[in-house]
Amino acid sequence: MTKQKVEKYLGDKKKFAIRFLPIKNDSEFAFCHLVLNGEIIGDQNESCYLNTWKNSLKEIKEKIVNSSKKLFHKEFENRSDREIFELIWKANQCEQDFNPKYNYLPVLENEIWSNCNIGIDETTDAYLITMIENKGLIKFIWEGWRVPCPVDKIGKLNSVSIEKKIVIETLDHCIVEIEKKKQ
């Protein structure tokens, strides 16, 4: 696969963007990566199947536009990013997998994990990524999980909050780019 020279960052590269690098003479694949707080999520040399990305972005957008109330739980109030992150993951874990340090946190319904977890494709699967909505902002909270995430980022929690409107516009912009590439 030969990369084209036109790498684009759709959105704000320092806060929330999508890196988009087409592959020459290939309408099915490209290099697409989330960029959260200036960090490219995933291996920059790992390509993705554009239909998977487009469908995943549409699903994320749908959650934000039509179900943003489901991206928040009263248990998130007055909690640290780490506690919110643990609440979301705990909602999809078996009891033996709970982090004992956070046993004091309640176990929320699995719907919280379904709504707040983000997984796009292989480019994001070395990270644990969540999003919540609060007061018109979408907060992404993520942690490096395993290689190919850089070793120094594994286990490190990060977060960034972005206006909901900007997240939606960025997702829309990428969906349009993918559709143009597929033509």
N, C-alpha and C. Protein backbone atom coordinates (compact mmCIF):
# COMPACT_ATOMS: atom_id res chain seq x y z
N MET A 1 0.84 -1.17 0.00
CA MET A 1 0.00 0.00 0.00
C MET A 1 0.89 1.24 0.00
N THR A 2 0.62 2.14 -0.91
CA THR A 2 1.38 3.37 -1.00
C THR A 2 0.55 4.53 -0.45
N LYS A 3 1.09 5.19 0.55
CA LYS A 3 0.40 6.35 1.11
C LYS A 3 0.45 7.48 0.11
N GLN A 4 -0.61 8.27 0.09
CA GLN A 4 -0.55 9.51 -0.67
C GLN A 4 0.07 10.56 0.24
N LYS A 5 0.50 11.67 -0.32
CA LYS A 5 1.18 12.69 0.46
C LYS A 5 0.25 13.61 1.21
N VAL A 6 -1.03 13.50 1.02
CA VAL A 6 -1.97 14.45 1.59
C VAL A 6 -2.55 13.93 2.91
N GLU A 7 -1.82 14.17 3.98
CA GLU A 7 -2.31 13.82 5.31
C GLU A 7 -3.14 15.00 5.79
N LYS A 8 -4.34 14.71 6.26
CA LYS A 8 -5.24 15.75 6.76
C LYS A 8 -5.54 15.47 8.22
N TYR A 9 -5.71 16.54 8.96
CA TYR A 9 -6.23 16.44 10.32
C TYR A 9 -7.56 17.16 10.31
N LEU A 10 -8.61 16.39 10.45
CA LEU A 10 -9.96 16.93 10.44
C LEU A 10 -10.33 17.26 11.88
N GLY A 11 -10.52 18.54 12.17
CA GLY A 11 -10.79 18.97 13.53
C GLY A 11 -9.60 19.71 14.11
N ASP A 12 -9.55 19.81 15.41
CA ASP A 12 -8.50 20.51 16.13
C ASP A 12 -7.45 19.49 16.58
N LYS A 13 -6.31 19.50 15.93
CA LYS A 13 -5.25 18.53 16.17
C LYS A 13 -4.77 18.53 17.63
N LYS A 14 -4.94 19.64 18.32
CA LYS A 14 -4.48 19.73 19.72
C LYS A 14 -5.51 19.21 20.70
N LYS A 15 -6.78 19.08 20.29
CA LYS A 15 -7.83 18.62 21.21
C LYS A 15 -8.53 17.36 20.71
N PHE A 16 -9.23 17.51 19.57
CA PHE A 16 -9.97 16.37 19.01
C PHE A 16 -9.95 16.47 17.49
N ALA A 17 -9.40 15.46 16.88
CA ALA A 17 -9.32 15.43 15.42
C ALA A 17 -9.30 13.98 14.95
N ILE A 18 -9.37 13.85 13.65
CA ILE A 18 -9.19 12.55 13.02
C ILE A 18 -8.12 12.72 11.96
N ARG A 19 -7.09 11.92 12.07
CA ARG A 19 -6.01 11.91 11.08
C ARG A 19 -6.50 11.08 9.90
N PHE A 20 -6.39 11.63 8.71
CA PHE A 20 -6.88 10.96 7.50
C PHE A 20 -5.79 11.03 6.45
N LEU A 21 -5.28 9.87 6.07
CA LEU A 21 -4.25 9.78 5.05
C LEU A 21 -4.67 8.71 4.04
N PRO A 22 -5.13 9.14 2.86
CA PRO A 22 -5.56 8.17 1.84
C PRO A 22 -4.41 7.29 1.36
N ILE A 23 -4.78 6.16 0.81
CA ILE A 23 -3.82 5.25 0.18
C ILE A 23 -4.03 5.35 -1.33
N LYS A 24 -2.94 5.58 -2.02
CA LYS A 24 -3.01 5.78 -3.46
C LYS A 24 -3.68 4.61 -4.17
N ASN A 25 -4.62 4.90 -5.03
CA ASN A 25 -5.33 3.91 -5.85
C ASN A 25 -6.07 2.85 -5.02
N ASP A 26 -6.53 3.22 -3.85
CA ASP A 26 -7.28 2.28 -3.02
C ASP A 26 -8.47 3.01 -2.40
N SER A 27 -9.66 2.65 -2.83
CA SER A 27 -10.86 3.34 -2.32
C SER A 27 -11.45 2.65 -1.09
N GLU A 28 -10.88 1.53 -0.68
CA GLU A 28 -11.42 0.78 0.45
C GLU A 28 -10.66 1.01 1.76
N PHE A 29 -9.38 1.39 1.66
CA PHE A 29 -8.54 1.52 2.84
C PHE A 29 -7.88 2.89 2.89
N ALA A 30 -7.54 3.32 4.11
CA ALA A 30 -6.80 4.56 4.35
C ALA A 30 -6.17 4.44 5.73
N PHE A 31 -5.43 5.46 6.10
CA PHE A 31 -4.87 5.54 7.45
C PHE A 31 -5.72 6.55 8.21
N CYS A 32 -6.53 6.06 9.13
CA CYS A 32 -7.40 6.92 9.93
C CYS A 32 -7.10 6.67 11.40
N HIS A 33 -6.97 7.76 12.15
CA HIS A 33 -6.68 7.64 13.58
C HIS A 33 -7.35 8.76 14.34
N LEU A 34 -7.88 8.43 15.51
CA LEU A 34 -8.35 9.46 16.42
C LEU A 34 -7.15 10.22 16.93
N VAL A 35 -7.34 11.51 17.15
CA VAL A 35 -6.32 12.34 17.78
C VAL A 35 -6.99 12.98 18.98
N LEU A 36 -6.56 12.60 20.17
CA LEU A 36 -7.14 13.10 21.41
C LEU A 36 -6.08 13.86 22.20
N ASN A 37 -6.35 15.13 22.42
CA ASN A 37 -5.43 15.98 23.19
C ASN A 37 -4.02 15.96 22.58
N GLY A 38 -3.96 15.95 21.25
CA GLY A 38 -2.68 15.96 20.54
C GLY A 38 -2.04 14.60 20.36
N GLU A 39 -2.62 13.55 20.93
CA GLU A 39 -2.04 12.20 20.86
C GLU A 39 -2.75 11.39 19.77
N ILE A 40 -1.97 10.88 18.84
CA ILE A 40 -2.52 9.99 17.82
C ILE A 40 -2.77 8.65 18.49
N ILE A 41 -4.00 8.18 18.40
CA ILE A 41 -4.39 6.91 19.02
C ILE A 41 -4.15 5.80 18.01
N GLY A 42 -3.24 4.91 18.34
CA GLY A 42 -2.96 3.78 17.47
C GLY A 42 -1.65 3.92 16.71
N ASP A 43 -1.33 2.90 15.98
CA ASP A 43 -0.13 2.83 15.17
C ASP A 43 -0.36 3.61 13.88
N GLN A 44 0.41 4.66 13.65
CA GLN A 44 0.22 5.51 12.48
C GLN A 44 0.38 4.75 11.17
N ASN A 45 1.04 3.62 11.20
CA ASN A 45 1.26 2.84 9.98
C ASN A 45 0.23 1.73 9.80
N GLU A 46 -0.79 1.72 10.64
CA GLU A 46 -1.84 0.71 10.52
C GLU A 46 -3.01 1.30 9.74
N SER A 47 -3.34 0.68 8.63
CA SER A 47 -4.44 1.17 7.82
C SER A 47 -5.77 0.64 8.36
N CYS A 48 -6.84 1.21 7.85
CA CYS A 48 -8.16 0.78 8.29
C CYS A 48 -9.07 0.59 7.07
N TYR A 49 -10.09 -0.19 7.29
CA TYR A 49 -11.12 -0.40 6.29
C TYR A 49 -12.11 0.75 6.44
N LEU A 50 -12.27 1.54 5.39
CA LEU A 50 -13.04 2.78 5.49
C LEU A 50 -14.51 2.57 5.85
N ASN A 51 -15.12 1.49 5.38
CA ASN A 51 -16.52 1.25 5.74
C ASN A 51 -16.68 1.05 7.25
N THR A 52 -15.74 0.36 7.86
CA THR A 52 -15.79 0.15 9.31
C THR A 52 -15.67 1.48 10.02
N TRP A 53 -14.73 2.30 9.61
CA TRP A 53 -14.56 3.61 10.23
C TRP A 53 -15.80 4.47 10.07
N LYS A 54 -16.32 4.51 8.85
CA LYS A 54 -17.50 5.34 8.59
C LYS A 54 -18.66 4.90 9.47
N ASN A 55 -18.92 3.61 9.52
CA ASN A 55 -20.03 3.11 10.34
C ASN A 55 -19.81 3.38 11.82
N SER A 56 -18.59 3.21 12.29
CA SER A 56 -18.28 3.48 13.70
C SER A 56 -18.45 4.96 14.03
N LEU A 57 -17.99 5.83 13.14
CA LEU A 57 -18.14 7.27 13.38
C LEU A 57 -19.61 7.67 13.39
N LYS A 58 -20.39 7.07 12.50
CA LYS A 58 -21.83 7.35 12.48
C LYS A 58 -22.49 6.90 13.79
N GLU A 59 -22.05 5.77 14.32
CA GLU A 59 -22.60 5.26 15.58
C GLU A 59 -22.24 6.19 16.75
N ILE A 60 -21.00 6.65 16.78
CA ILE A 60 -20.57 7.58 17.83
C ILE A 60 -21.37 8.88 17.72
N LYS A 61 -21.50 9.37 16.51
CA LYS A 61 -22.26 10.61 16.29
C LYS A 61 -23.71 10.43 16.74
N GLU A 62 -24.30 9.30 16.41
CA GLU A 62 -25.69 9.01 16.79
C GLU A 62 -25.84 9.06 18.32
N LYS A 63 -24.90 8.47 19.03
CA LYS A 63 -24.94 8.51 20.49
C LYS A 63 -24.90 9.94 21.00
N ILE A 64 -24.04 10.75 20.42
CA ILE A 64 -23.88 12.13 20.87
C ILE A 64 -25.10 12.98 20.51
N VAL A 65 -25.59 12.82 19.30
CA VAL A 65 -26.70 13.67 18.83
C VAL A 65 -28.03 13.26 19.46
N ASN A 66 -28.33 11.98 19.46
CA ASN A 66 -29.66 11.53 19.85
C ASN A 66 -29.76 10.88 21.22
N SER A 67 -28.64 10.55 21.81
CA SER A 67 -28.69 9.83 23.09
C SER A 67 -27.69 10.38 24.10
N SER A 68 -27.36 11.65 24.03
CA SER A 68 -26.29 12.16 24.89
C SER A 68 -26.64 12.06 26.37
N LYS A 69 -27.93 12.03 26.70
CA LYS A 69 -28.32 11.85 28.11
C LYS A 69 -27.85 10.47 28.62
N LYS A 70 -27.71 9.52 27.72
CA LYS A 70 -27.24 8.18 28.10
C LYS A 70 -25.72 8.13 28.28
N LEU A 71 -25.05 9.25 27.98
CA LEU A 71 -23.60 9.33 28.15
C LEU A 71 -23.23 9.91 29.51
N PHE A 72 -24.21 10.00 30.39
CA PHE A 72 -23.95 10.51 31.72
C PHE A 72 -24.75 9.70 32.73
N HIS A 73 -24.18 9.55 33.90
CA HIS A 73 -24.86 8.86 35.00
C HIS A 73 -24.64 9.70 36.25
N LYS A 74 -25.62 9.75 37.11
CA LYS A 74 -25.49 10.56 38.33
C LYS A 74 -24.27 10.15 39.16
N GLU A 75 -23.83 8.91 39.04
CA GLU A 75 -22.65 8.45 39.77
C GLU A 75 -21.36 9.11 39.27
N PHE A 76 -21.40 9.74 38.10
CA PHE A 76 -20.22 10.43 37.58
C PHE A 76 -19.98 11.77 38.30
N GLU A 77 -21.04 12.31 38.92
CA GLU A 77 -20.94 13.61 39.56
C GLU A 77 -19.90 13.60 40.67
N ASN A 78 -19.10 14.64 40.69
CA ASN A 78 -18.06 14.82 41.72
C ASN A 78 -17.06 13.67 41.79
N ARG A 79 -16.82 13.02 40.68
CA ARG A 79 -15.85 11.93 40.60
C ARG A 79 -14.65 12.38 39.77
N SER A 80 -13.52 11.80 40.06
CA SER A 80 -12.32 12.05 39.26
C SER A 80 -12.45 11.33 37.92
N ASP A 81 -11.60 11.72 36.98
CA ASP A 81 -11.59 11.03 35.69
C ASP A 81 -11.34 9.54 35.88
N ARG A 82 -10.43 9.19 36.77
CA ARG A 82 -10.12 7.78 37.01
C ARG A 82 -11.35 7.05 37.53
N GLU A 83 -12.08 7.66 38.46
CA GLU A 83 -13.27 7.01 39.01
C GLU A 83 -14.34 6.83 37.93
N ILE A 84 -14.54 7.85 37.10
CA ILE A 84 -15.53 7.74 36.01
C ILE A 84 -15.11 6.62 35.06
N PHE A 85 -13.85 6.59 34.69
CA PHE A 85 -13.31 5.56 33.81
C PHE A 85 -13.55 4.17 34.40
N GLU A 86 -13.25 4.01 35.69
CA GLU A 86 -13.45 2.72 36.36
C GLU A 86 -14.93 2.36 36.45
N LEU A 87 -15.79 3.33 36.68
CA LEU A 87 -17.24 3.06 36.71
C LEU A 87 -17.72 2.50 35.38
N ILE A 88 -17.24 3.09 34.28
CA ILE A 88 -17.65 2.66 32.95
C ILE A 88 -17.17 1.23 32.68
N TRP A 89 -15.89 0.96 32.96
CA TRP A 89 -15.35 -0.37 32.69
C TRP A 89 -15.92 -1.42 33.64
N LYS A 90 -16.14 -1.03 34.87
CA LYS A 90 -16.70 -1.96 35.86
C LYS A 90 -18.08 -2.45 35.42
N ALA A 91 -18.80 -1.61 34.68
CA ALA A 91 -20.14 -1.97 34.21
C ALA A 91 -20.12 -3.11 33.18
N ASN A 92 -18.93 -3.46 32.70
CA ASN A 92 -18.81 -4.54 31.72
C ASN A 92 -17.85 -5.64 32.17
N GLN A 93 -17.54 -5.67 33.45
CA GLN A 93 -16.59 -6.66 33.95
C GLN A 93 -17.27 -7.66 34.88
N CYS A 94 -16.64 -8.81 34.99
CA CYS A 94 -17.03 -9.77 36.01
C CYS A 94 -16.39 -9.32 37.32
N GLU A 95 -17.01 -9.69 38.41
CA GLU A 95 -16.53 -9.24 39.71
C GLU A 95 -15.05 -9.54 39.94
N GLN A 96 -14.58 -10.69 39.49
CA GLN A 96 -13.18 -11.05 39.71
C GLN A 96 -12.22 -10.15 38.93
N ASP A 97 -12.74 -9.41 37.95
CA ASP A 97 -11.90 -8.51 37.15
C ASP A 97 -11.87 -7.08 37.67
N PHE A 98 -12.69 -6.77 38.67
CA PHE A 98 -12.73 -5.41 39.22
C PHE A 98 -11.36 -5.04 39.78
N ASN A 99 -10.99 -3.80 39.59
CA ASN A 99 -9.78 -3.28 40.21
C ASN A 99 -10.07 -3.09 41.69
N PRO A 100 -9.41 -3.84 42.57
CA PRO A 100 -9.72 -3.78 44.01
C PRO A 100 -9.60 -2.38 44.60
N LYS A 101 -8.77 -1.56 43.99
CA LYS A 101 -8.59 -0.19 44.47
C LYS A 101 -9.90 0.60 44.37
N TYR A 102 -10.81 0.15 43.49
CA TYR A 102 -12.06 0.88 43.26
C TYR A 102 -13.28 0.06 43.68
N ASN A 103 -13.10 -0.84 44.63
CA ASN A 103 -14.23 -1.64 45.13
C ASN A 103 -15.32 -0.78 45.74
N TYR A 104 -14.98 0.41 46.20
CA TYR A 104 -15.97 1.31 46.79
C TYR A 104 -16.96 1.87 45.75
N LEU A 105 -16.60 1.78 44.47
CA LEU A 105 -17.49 2.29 43.43
C LEU A 105 -18.61 1.29 43.16
N PRO A 106 -19.81 1.78 42.91
CA PRO A 106 -20.91 0.86 42.60
C PRO A 106 -20.73 0.22 41.23
N VAL A 107 -21.45 -0.85 40.99
CA VAL A 107 -21.49 -1.47 39.67
C VAL A 107 -22.72 -0.92 38.96
N LEU A 108 -22.48 -0.21 37.89
CA LEU A 108 -23.58 0.39 37.12
C LEU A 108 -24.09 -0.61 36.08
N GLU A 109 -25.25 -0.33 35.55
CA GLU A 109 -25.83 -1.20 34.52
C GLU A 109 -24.94 -1.23 33.29
N ASN A 110 -24.93 -2.37 32.61
CA ASN A 110 -24.08 -2.58 31.44
C ASN A 110 -24.33 -1.55 30.35
N GLU A 111 -25.51 -0.98 30.32
CA GLU A 111 -25.84 0.04 29.33
C GLU A 111 -24.84 1.21 29.39
N ILE A 112 -24.34 1.52 30.56
CA ILE A 112 -23.35 2.60 30.70
C ILE A 112 -22.11 2.28 29.87
N TRP A 113 -21.62 1.07 29.99
CA TRP A 113 -20.45 0.68 29.20
C TRP A 113 -20.80 0.71 27.70
N SER A 114 -21.94 0.17 27.33
CA SER A 114 -22.34 0.14 25.92
C SER A 114 -22.42 1.55 25.33
N ASN A 115 -22.91 2.48 26.11
CA ASN A 115 -23.06 3.85 25.62
C ASN A 115 -21.76 4.64 25.63
N CYS A 116 -20.94 4.42 26.63
CA CYS A 116 -19.77 5.28 26.84
C CYS A 116 -18.46 4.72 26.29
N ASN A 117 -18.41 3.45 25.98
CA ASN A 117 -17.21 2.84 25.42
C ASN A 117 -17.07 3.22 23.95
N ILE A 118 -15.84 3.45 23.52
CA ILE A 118 -15.57 3.73 22.11
C ILE A 118 -14.60 2.68 21.58
N GLY A 119 -15.00 2.04 20.51
CA GLY A 119 -14.12 1.14 19.78
C GLY A 119 -14.44 1.32 18.31
N ILE A 120 -13.45 1.63 17.53
CA ILE A 120 -13.71 1.88 16.11
C ILE A 120 -13.28 0.67 15.28
N ASP A 121 -12.04 0.27 15.41
CA ASP A 121 -11.51 -0.89 14.70
C ASP A 121 -10.17 -1.23 15.31
N GLU A 122 -9.34 -1.95 14.57
CA GLU A 122 -8.03 -2.36 15.08
C GLU A 122 -7.16 -1.17 15.45
N THR A 123 -7.38 -0.01 14.82
CA THR A 123 -6.52 1.15 15.11
C THR A 123 -6.72 1.66 16.53
N THR A 124 -7.84 1.32 17.16
CA THR A 124 -8.08 1.80 18.53
C THR A 124 -8.01 0.69 19.57
N ASP A 125 -7.80 -0.54 19.16
CA ASP A 125 -7.94 -1.64 20.12
C ASP A 125 -6.79 -1.82 21.10
N ALA A 126 -5.75 -1.01 21.03
CA ALA A 126 -4.68 -1.05 22.02
C ALA A 126 -4.93 -0.01 23.12
N TYR A 127 -6.09 0.64 23.06
CA TYR A 127 -6.47 1.67 24.01
C TYR A 127 -7.84 1.36 24.57
N LEU A 128 -8.08 1.80 25.79
CA LEU A 128 -9.42 1.76 26.39
C LEU A 128 -9.91 3.20 26.31
N ILE A 129 -10.99 3.42 25.57
CA ILE A 129 -11.46 4.78 25.31
C ILE A 129 -12.93 4.90 25.71
N THR A 130 -13.23 5.94 26.46
CA THR A 130 -14.61 6.21 26.86
C THR A 130 -14.96 7.65 26.54
N MET A 131 -16.26 7.92 26.53
CA MET A 131 -16.71 9.30 26.39
C MET A 131 -17.94 9.48 27.27
N ILE A 132 -18.03 10.67 27.85
CA ILE A 132 -19.22 11.04 28.60
C ILE A 132 -19.65 12.42 28.13
N GLU A 133 -20.88 12.78 28.43
CA GLU A 133 -21.38 14.11 28.11
C GLU A 133 -21.75 14.79 29.41
N ASN A 134 -21.36 16.04 29.53
CA ASN A 134 -21.73 16.80 30.72
C ASN A 134 -21.72 18.28 30.37
N LYS A 135 -22.87 18.91 30.53
CA LYS A 135 -23.01 20.36 30.34
C LYS A 135 -22.54 20.81 28.96
N GLY A 136 -22.94 20.09 27.92
CA GLY A 136 -22.61 20.48 26.55
C GLY A 136 -21.21 20.12 26.09
N LEU A 137 -20.47 19.42 26.93
CA LEU A 137 -19.13 18.99 26.56
C LEU A 137 -19.07 17.48 26.46
N ILE A 138 -18.28 17.01 25.53
CA ILE A 138 -17.98 15.59 25.43
C ILE A 138 -16.58 15.42 26.01
N LYS A 139 -16.50 14.59 27.01
CA LYS A 139 -15.19 14.31 27.62
C LYS A 139 -14.76 12.92 27.20
N PHE A 140 -13.59 12.86 26.59
CA PHE A 140 -12.97 11.59 26.24
C PHE A 140 -11.97 11.27 27.34
N ILE A 141 -12.06 10.06 27.87
CA ILE A 141 -11.13 9.58 28.87
C ILE A 141 -10.55 8.28 28.31
N TRP A 142 -9.23 8.20 28.24
CA TRP A 142 -8.62 7.02 27.63
C TRP A 142 -7.33 6.65 28.35
N GLU A 143 -6.96 5.40 28.09
CA GLU A 143 -5.76 4.85 28.70
C GLU A 143 -5.13 3.88 27.71
N GLY A 144 -3.82 3.94 27.58
CA GLY A 144 -3.12 2.93 26.79
C GLY A 144 -3.27 1.58 27.49
N TRP A 145 -3.51 0.55 26.69
CA TRP A 145 -3.82 -0.76 27.27
C TRP A 145 -2.73 -1.79 26.98
N ARG A 146 -2.29 -1.83 25.72
CA ARG A 146 -1.30 -2.84 25.33
C ARG A 146 -0.61 -2.38 24.05
N VAL A 147 0.46 -3.05 23.69
CA VAL A 147 1.16 -2.78 22.44
C VAL A 147 0.18 -3.02 21.29
N PRO A 148 0.10 -2.17 20.26
CA PRO A 148 1.10 -1.22 19.80
C PRO A 148 1.04 0.17 20.45
N CYS A 149 0.26 0.36 21.48
CA CYS A 149 0.34 1.61 22.23
C CYS A 149 1.77 1.75 22.73
N PRO A 150 2.37 2.94 22.63
CA PRO A 150 3.73 3.09 23.16
C PRO A 150 3.79 2.66 24.63
N VAL A 151 4.81 1.92 24.98
CA VAL A 151 4.94 1.32 26.31
C VAL A 151 4.83 2.39 27.41
N ASP A 152 5.38 3.57 27.17
CA ASP A 152 5.34 4.62 28.20
C ASP A 152 3.94 5.20 28.40
N LYS A 153 2.99 4.86 27.53
CA LYS A 153 1.62 5.36 27.66
C LYS A 153 0.66 4.30 28.18
N ILE A 154 1.12 3.06 28.28
CA ILE A 154 0.27 1.99 28.79
C ILE A 154 0.00 2.25 30.28
N GLY A 155 -1.28 2.23 30.63
CA GLY A 155 -1.68 2.46 32.01
C GLY A 155 -1.78 3.92 32.40
N LYS A 156 -1.49 4.83 31.50
CA LYS A 156 -1.57 6.27 31.78
C LYS A 156 -2.94 6.80 31.35
N LEU A 157 -3.65 7.40 32.28
CA LEU A 157 -4.99 7.93 32.01
C LEU A 157 -4.88 9.35 31.48
N ASN A 158 -5.69 9.65 30.47
CA ASN A 158 -5.73 10.98 29.85
C ASN A 158 -7.18 11.38 29.66
N SER A 159 -7.41 12.67 29.55
CA SER A 159 -8.76 13.13 29.23
C SER A 159 -8.69 14.47 28.51
N VAL A 160 -9.75 14.74 27.78
CA VAL A 160 -9.91 16.03 27.12
C VAL A 160 -11.41 16.27 26.95
N SER A 161 -11.82 17.51 27.16
CA SER A 161 -13.23 17.89 26.99
C SER A 161 -13.36 18.83 25.80
N ILE A 162 -14.35 18.57 24.97
CA ILE A 162 -14.56 19.34 23.74
C ILE A 162 -16.04 19.67 23.63
N GLU A 163 -16.34 20.83 23.11
CA GLU A 163 -17.74 21.18 22.88
C GLU A 163 -18.39 20.13 21.99
N LYS A 164 -19.58 19.75 22.37
CA LYS A 164 -20.34 18.73 21.64
C LYS A 164 -20.44 19.06 20.16
N LYS A 165 -20.73 20.31 19.86
CA LYS A 165 -20.89 20.76 18.46
C LYS A 165 -19.62 20.50 17.65
N ILE A 166 -18.46 20.74 18.25
CA ILE A 166 -17.19 20.55 17.54
C ILE A 166 -16.94 19.06 17.28
N VAL A 167 -17.27 18.22 18.24
CA VAL A 167 -17.10 16.78 18.05
C VAL A 167 -17.98 16.32 16.88
N ILE A 168 -19.24 16.76 16.87
CA ILE A 168 -20.17 16.36 15.81
C ILE A 168 -19.67 16.85 14.46
N GLU A 169 -19.22 18.10 14.38
CA GLU A 169 -18.71 18.65 13.11
C GLU A 169 -17.50 17.86 12.62
N THR A 170 -16.61 17.49 13.53
CA THR A 170 -15.41 16.73 13.15
C THR A 170 -15.80 15.34 12.63
N LEU A 171 -16.72 14.68 13.33
CA LEU A 171 -17.18 13.37 12.86
C LEU A 171 -17.82 13.49 11.48
N ASP A 172 -18.68 14.50 11.30
CA ASP A 172 -19.32 14.72 10.00
C ASP A 172 -18.28 14.95 8.91
N HIS A 173 -17.29 15.77 9.21
CA HIS A 173 -16.24 16.09 8.22
C HIS A 173 -15.52 14.81 7.79
N CYS A 174 -15.20 13.95 8.73
CA CYS A 174 -14.51 12.70 8.39
C CYS A 174 -15.41 11.77 7.58
N ILE A 175 -16.67 11.69 7.95
CA ILE A 175 -17.62 10.84 7.21
C ILE A 175 -17.68 11.31 5.75
N VAL A 176 -17.71 12.62 5.53
CA VAL A 176 -17.74 13.17 4.17
C VAL A 176 -16.45 12.81 3.43
N GLU A 177 -15.29 12.95 4.10
CA GLU A 177 -14.00 12.60 3.47
C GLU A 177 -13.97 11.13 3.06
N ILE A 178 -14.47 10.27 3.93
CA ILE A 178 -14.49 8.85 3.61
C ILE A 178 -15.40 8.59 2.41
N GLU A 179 -16.56 9.22 2.41
CA GLU A 179 -17.48 9.02 1.27
C GLU A 179 -16.88 9.53 -0.03
N LYS A 180 -16.16 10.66 0.01
CA LYS A 180 -15.49 11.17 -1.19
C LYS A 180 -14.42 10.19 -1.67
N LYS A 181 -13.67 9.62 -0.74
CA LYS A 181 -12.61 8.68 -1.08
C LYS A 181 -13.18 7.41 -1.72
N LYS A 182 -14.35 7.02 -1.27
CA LYS A 182 -14.95 5.78 -1.76
C LYS A 182 -15.58 5.93 -3.14
N GLN A 183 -15.69 7.13 -3.63
CA GLN A 183 -16.33 7.35 -4.95
C GLN A 183 -15.36 7.08 -6.08
